[in-house]
Protein backbone atom coordinates (compact mmCIF):
# COMPACT_ATOMS: atom_id res chain seq x y z
CA UNK A 1 0.00 0.00 0.00
CA UNK A 2 1.35 3.43 -0.92
CA UNK A 3 1.55 6.07 1.82
CA UNK A 4 -0.91 8.94 1.69
CA UNK A 5 0.44 12.11 0.10
CA UNK A 6 -1.51 15.34 0.48
CA UNK A 7 -2.49 17.06 -2.74
CA UNK A 8 0.03 19.68 -3.79
CA UNK A 9 -0.76 21.56 -6.98
CA UNK A 10 2.04 21.84 -9.47
CA UNK A 11 3.72 25.20 -9.54
CA UNK A 12 5.34 26.87 -12.45
CA UNK A 13 8.96 27.99 -12.21
CA UNK A 14 9.12 31.34 -10.41
CA UNK A 15 5.54 31.04 -9.14
CA UNK A 16 5.40 31.17 -5.38
CA UNK A 17 2.06 32.90 -4.81
CA UNK A 18 -0.67 30.64 -3.46
CA UNK A 19 -4.31 30.64 -4.45
CA UNK A 20 -5.42 32.75 -1.49
CA UNK A 21 -2.83 35.43 -2.26
CA UNK A 22 -3.85 35.49 -5.93
CA UNK A 23 -7.52 35.95 -4.99
CA UNK A 24 -6.64 38.73 -2.52
CA UNK A 25 -4.66 40.58 -5.16
CA UNK A 26 -7.44 40.15 -7.69
CA UNK A 27 -10.06 41.77 -5.46
CA UNK A 28 -7.96 44.47 -3.80
CA UNK A 29 -5.78 47.32 -4.90
CA UNK A 30 -2.19 46.45 -5.77
CA UNK A 31 -0.93 49.18 -3.45
CA UNK A 32 -1.21 48.61 0.29
CA UNK A 33 -3.49 50.99 2.10
CA UNK A 34 -1.70 53.65 4.13
CA UNK A 35 -2.97 54.72 7.57
CA UNK A 36 -1.99 58.07 9.06
CA UNK A 37 -1.28 58.26 12.80
CA UNK A 38 -0.39 61.06 15.21
CA UNK A 39 1.62 60.37 18.34
CA UNK A 40 0.08 61.55 21.62
CA UNK A 41 3.50 61.94 23.24
CA UNK A 42 5.60 63.84 20.67
CA UNK A 43 2.83 64.93 18.21
CA UNK A 44 4.73 63.33 15.30
CA UNK A 45 2.54 62.41 12.32
CA UNK A 46 3.44 59.38 10.20
CA UNK A 47 2.01 56.74 7.88
CA UNK A 48 1.95 52.96 8.25
CA UNK A 49 0.48 50.03 6.34
CA UNK A 50 -0.56 48.46 9.66
CA UNK A 51 -4.29 48.96 10.36
CA UNK A 52 -4.21 47.73 13.99
CA UNK A 53 -2.94 50.56 16.21
CA UNK A 54 -1.79 48.11 18.88
CA UNK A 55 0.94 46.89 16.53
CA UNK A 56 2.19 50.38 15.57
CA UNK A 57 4.67 52.53 17.44
CA UNK A 58 5.85 56.06 16.81
CA UNK A 59 9.03 55.99 14.73
CA UNK A 60 10.36 59.07 16.56
CA UNK A 61 9.82 58.27 20.24
CA UNK A 62 8.57 54.64 20.31
CA UNK A 63 5.28 55.50 22.02
CA UNK A 64 2.14 53.44 21.46
CA UNK A 65 -0.10 56.40 22.44
CA UNK A 66 -1.39 56.99 18.91
CA UNK A 67 -4.47 58.47 17.29
CA UNK A 68 -5.64 57.95 13.73
CA UNK A 69 -5.74 61.03 11.53
CA UNK A 70 -8.75 61.43 9.26
CA UNK A 71 -7.73 61.69 5.61
CA UNK A 72 -9.59 62.28 2.42
């Protein structure tokens, strides 16, 4: 009896993007969305591609006391 092998689709040379990533790219913009934040400690304003404020820190002082800045 042959051992079970999970299905692995063939990939073309140079193709590393999976199905999920291809679908995401097809339905979203190619450019990542930018979020603008203002630091509550040093008042620095900066942009990040991270949407969750808990994962962002001020690049100038390292504070996590941030506020989103309305754009548009």
